[in-house]
Amino acid sequence: VGVFKTENPDAVAENVNDYLKATKEQMKNYYPDEVFKVDNAVVESDSGRVVLIISEDIESAKSEAKKILGK
């Protein structure tokens, strides 16, 4: 779980997605069973925050991200 407070949520979300791509490539070799979690990571944002949740329970992750952002 990562929560990032920022003035530029679009740039942060882009960096988070780049991080997820790189992490996925590394995990393919070392932890292939965990790639599913990274593939389905939840990235949500509002005007000042970006939330990243990597979990095997995707629906709960989406729900928690929305709670954090007050949606």
N, C-alpha and C. Protein backbone atom coordinates (compact mmCIF):
# COMPACT_ATOMS: atom_id res chain seq x y z
N VAL A 1 0.86 -1.17 0.00
CA VAL A 1 0.00 0.00 0.00
C VAL A 1 0.90 1.23 0.00
N GLY A 2 0.57 2.16 -0.89
CA GLY A 2 1.27 3.43 -0.92
C GLY A 2 0.25 4.54 -1.12
N VAL A 3 0.38 5.60 -0.35
CA VAL A 3 -0.46 6.78 -0.51
C VAL A 3 0.48 7.96 -0.68
N PHE A 4 0.34 8.63 -1.82
CA PHE A 4 1.25 9.72 -2.16
C PHE A 4 0.48 11.03 -2.25
N LYS A 5 0.87 12.00 -1.43
CA LYS A 5 0.27 13.32 -1.49
C LYS A 5 1.10 14.13 -2.48
N THR A 6 0.40 14.78 -3.43
CA THR A 6 1.12 15.44 -4.51
C THR A 6 0.31 16.59 -5.09
N GLU A 7 1.00 17.49 -5.73
CA GLU A 7 0.34 18.56 -6.48
C GLU A 7 0.12 18.15 -7.93
N ASN A 8 0.73 17.04 -8.35
CA ASN A 8 0.59 16.58 -9.73
C ASN A 8 0.26 15.08 -9.75
N PRO A 9 -0.99 14.72 -9.47
CA PRO A 9 -1.36 13.31 -9.39
C PRO A 9 -1.17 12.55 -10.70
N ASP A 10 -1.31 13.22 -11.83
CA ASP A 10 -1.13 12.53 -13.11
C ASP A 10 0.31 12.04 -13.28
N ALA A 11 1.27 12.89 -12.93
CA ALA A 11 2.67 12.50 -13.03
C ALA A 11 3.01 11.38 -12.06
N VAL A 12 2.48 11.47 -10.85
CA VAL A 12 2.74 10.43 -9.85
C VAL A 12 2.12 9.11 -10.31
N ALA A 13 0.90 9.15 -10.81
CA ALA A 13 0.25 7.92 -11.30
C ALA A 13 1.05 7.31 -12.44
N GLU A 14 1.58 8.15 -13.32
CA GLU A 14 2.42 7.64 -14.42
C GLU A 14 3.68 6.97 -13.87
N ASN A 15 4.31 7.58 -12.88
CA ASN A 15 5.50 6.97 -12.27
C ASN A 15 5.15 5.66 -11.56
N VAL A 16 4.01 5.62 -10.91
CA VAL A 16 3.57 4.39 -10.24
C VAL A 16 3.36 3.29 -11.28
N ASN A 17 2.74 3.62 -12.40
CA ASN A 17 2.53 2.62 -13.45
C ASN A 17 3.85 2.15 -14.05
N ASP A 18 4.82 3.05 -14.20
CA ASP A 18 6.16 2.64 -14.67
C ASP A 18 6.80 1.69 -13.66
N TYR A 19 6.65 2.01 -12.38
CA TYR A 19 7.16 1.13 -11.32
C TYR A 19 6.53 -0.25 -11.41
N LEU A 20 5.22 -0.29 -11.62
CA LEU A 20 4.52 -1.58 -11.69
C LEU A 20 5.00 -2.40 -12.89
N LYS A 21 5.24 -1.75 -14.02
CA LYS A 21 5.75 -2.46 -15.19
C LYS A 21 7.12 -3.07 -14.91
N ALA A 22 8.00 -2.30 -14.31
CA ALA A 22 9.35 -2.78 -13.99
C ALA A 22 9.29 -3.91 -12.96
N THR A 23 8.45 -3.75 -11.97
CA THR A 23 8.30 -4.77 -10.93
C THR A 23 7.77 -6.07 -11.52
N LYS A 24 6.81 -5.95 -12.41
CA LYS A 24 6.24 -7.13 -13.06
C LYS A 24 7.32 -7.91 -13.81
N GLU A 25 8.16 -7.21 -14.55
CA GLU A 25 9.23 -7.87 -15.31
C GLU A 25 10.20 -8.61 -14.38
N GLN A 26 10.55 -7.99 -13.26
CA GLN A 26 11.45 -8.63 -12.30
C GLN A 26 10.78 -9.85 -11.66
N MET A 27 9.52 -9.72 -11.34
CA MET A 27 8.82 -10.80 -10.65
C MET A 27 8.59 -12.01 -11.54
N LYS A 28 8.50 -11.78 -12.85
CA LYS A 28 8.32 -12.90 -13.78
C LYS A 28 9.42 -13.94 -13.59
N ASN A 29 10.63 -13.46 -13.33
CA ASN A 29 11.78 -14.35 -13.18
C ASN A 29 11.91 -14.94 -11.78
N TYR A 30 11.60 -14.16 -10.77
CA TYR A 30 11.89 -14.58 -9.40
C TYR A 30 10.66 -15.05 -8.62
N TYR A 31 9.51 -14.44 -8.87
CA TYR A 31 8.28 -14.77 -8.14
C TYR A 31 7.10 -14.84 -9.11
N PRO A 32 7.11 -15.78 -10.03
CA PRO A 32 6.06 -15.81 -11.06
C PRO A 32 4.65 -15.94 -10.48
N ASP A 33 4.50 -16.55 -9.34
CA ASP A 33 3.17 -16.69 -8.74
C ASP A 33 2.61 -15.37 -8.21
N GLU A 34 3.47 -14.37 -8.07
CA GLU A 34 3.05 -13.08 -7.53
C GLU A 34 2.74 -12.06 -8.64
N VAL A 35 2.99 -12.40 -9.88
CA VAL A 35 2.77 -11.47 -11.00
C VAL A 35 1.30 -11.05 -11.06
N PHE A 36 0.39 -11.95 -10.75
CA PHE A 36 -1.04 -11.65 -10.76
C PHE A 36 -1.34 -10.41 -9.91
N LYS A 37 -0.74 -10.31 -8.74
CA LYS A 37 -0.99 -9.18 -7.85
C LYS A 37 -0.56 -7.86 -8.48
N VAL A 38 0.62 -7.88 -9.10
CA VAL A 38 1.13 -6.66 -9.72
C VAL A 38 0.30 -6.30 -10.95
N ASP A 39 -0.07 -7.30 -11.74
CA ASP A 39 -0.92 -7.07 -12.91
C ASP A 39 -2.24 -6.41 -12.55
N ASN A 40 -2.74 -6.71 -11.38
CA ASN A 40 -4.04 -6.22 -10.96
C ASN A 40 -3.97 -5.19 -9.84
N ALA A 41 -2.83 -4.54 -9.73
CA ALA A 41 -2.67 -3.51 -8.71
C ALA A 41 -3.70 -2.41 -8.92
N VAL A 42 -4.16 -1.85 -7.82
CA VAL A 42 -5.14 -0.77 -7.87
C VAL A 42 -4.39 0.55 -7.75
N VAL A 43 -4.61 1.42 -8.72
CA VAL A 43 -4.05 2.77 -8.70
C VAL A 43 -5.22 3.73 -8.87
N GLU A 44 -5.52 4.47 -7.83
CA GLU A 44 -6.62 5.44 -7.83
C GLU A 44 -6.05 6.79 -7.43
N SER A 45 -6.68 7.86 -7.91
CA SER A 45 -6.20 9.19 -7.54
C SER A 45 -7.35 10.18 -7.46
N ASP A 46 -7.06 11.28 -6.78
CA ASP A 46 -7.95 12.42 -6.77
C ASP A 46 -7.09 13.64 -7.06
N SER A 47 -7.53 14.81 -6.70
CA SER A 47 -6.78 16.02 -7.07
C SER A 47 -5.47 16.21 -6.32
N GLY A 48 -5.25 15.46 -5.25
CA GLY A 48 -4.02 15.67 -4.49
C GLY A 48 -3.37 14.42 -3.95
N ARG A 49 -3.94 13.25 -4.25
CA ARG A 49 -3.38 12.01 -3.73
C ARG A 49 -3.45 10.90 -4.78
N VAL A 50 -2.49 9.99 -4.67
CA VAL A 50 -2.48 8.78 -5.49
C VAL A 50 -2.35 7.61 -4.53
N VAL A 51 -3.21 6.61 -4.72
CA VAL A 51 -3.20 5.42 -3.87
C VAL A 51 -2.80 4.22 -4.71
N LEU A 52 -1.86 3.44 -4.21
CA LEU A 52 -1.43 2.20 -4.84
C LEU A 52 -1.64 1.07 -3.86
N ILE A 53 -2.36 0.03 -4.28
CA ILE A 53 -2.55 -1.15 -3.44
C ILE A 53 -2.28 -2.38 -4.30
N ILE A 54 -1.36 -3.21 -3.84
CA ILE A 54 -1.05 -4.48 -4.48
C ILE A 54 -1.53 -5.57 -3.54
N SER A 55 -2.49 -6.37 -4.02
CA SER A 55 -3.11 -7.38 -3.17
C SER A 55 -3.70 -8.48 -4.03
N GLU A 56 -3.85 -9.66 -3.46
CA GLU A 56 -4.50 -10.73 -4.21
C GLU A 56 -6.02 -10.56 -4.18
N ASP A 57 -6.54 -9.77 -3.25
CA ASP A 57 -7.98 -9.51 -3.15
C ASP A 57 -8.27 -8.18 -3.83
N ILE A 58 -8.51 -8.23 -5.12
CA ILE A 58 -8.66 -7.04 -5.94
C ILE A 58 -9.86 -6.19 -5.51
N GLU A 59 -10.98 -6.82 -5.26
CA GLU A 59 -12.19 -6.07 -4.91
C GLU A 59 -12.02 -5.32 -3.59
N SER A 60 -11.40 -5.97 -2.61
CA SER A 60 -11.15 -5.28 -1.34
C SER A 60 -10.17 -4.13 -1.53
N ALA A 61 -9.18 -4.33 -2.38
CA ALA A 61 -8.20 -3.28 -2.66
C ALA A 61 -8.88 -2.07 -3.29
N LYS A 62 -9.78 -2.31 -4.24
CA LYS A 62 -10.52 -1.21 -4.88
C LYS A 62 -11.36 -0.47 -3.84
N SER A 63 -12.02 -1.22 -2.99
CA SER A 63 -12.86 -0.63 -1.96
C SER A 63 -12.05 0.23 -0.99
N GLU A 64 -10.90 -0.29 -0.57
CA GLU A 64 -10.05 0.46 0.37
C GLU A 64 -9.49 1.72 -0.27
N ALA A 65 -9.11 1.64 -1.54
CA ALA A 65 -8.59 2.82 -2.23
C ALA A 65 -9.66 3.90 -2.28
N LYS A 66 -10.88 3.52 -2.56
CA LYS A 66 -11.98 4.48 -2.61
C LYS A 66 -12.24 5.09 -1.23
N LYS A 67 -12.14 4.27 -0.18
CA LYS A 67 -12.31 4.79 1.18
C LYS A 67 -11.24 5.83 1.50
N ILE A 68 -10.00 5.52 1.15
CA ILE A 68 -8.89 6.43 1.42
C ILE A 68 -9.13 7.77 0.74
N LEU A 69 -9.65 7.71 -0.49
CA LEU A 69 -9.87 8.94 -1.26
C LEU A 69 -11.23 9.58 -0.99
N GLY A 70 -12.03 8.94 -0.14
CA GLY A 70 -13.33 9.49 0.19
C GLY A 70 -14.33 9.44 -0.94
N LYS A 71 -14.22 8.42 -1.79
CA LYS A 71 -15.14 8.28 -2.94
C LYS A 71 -16.30 7.38 -2.58
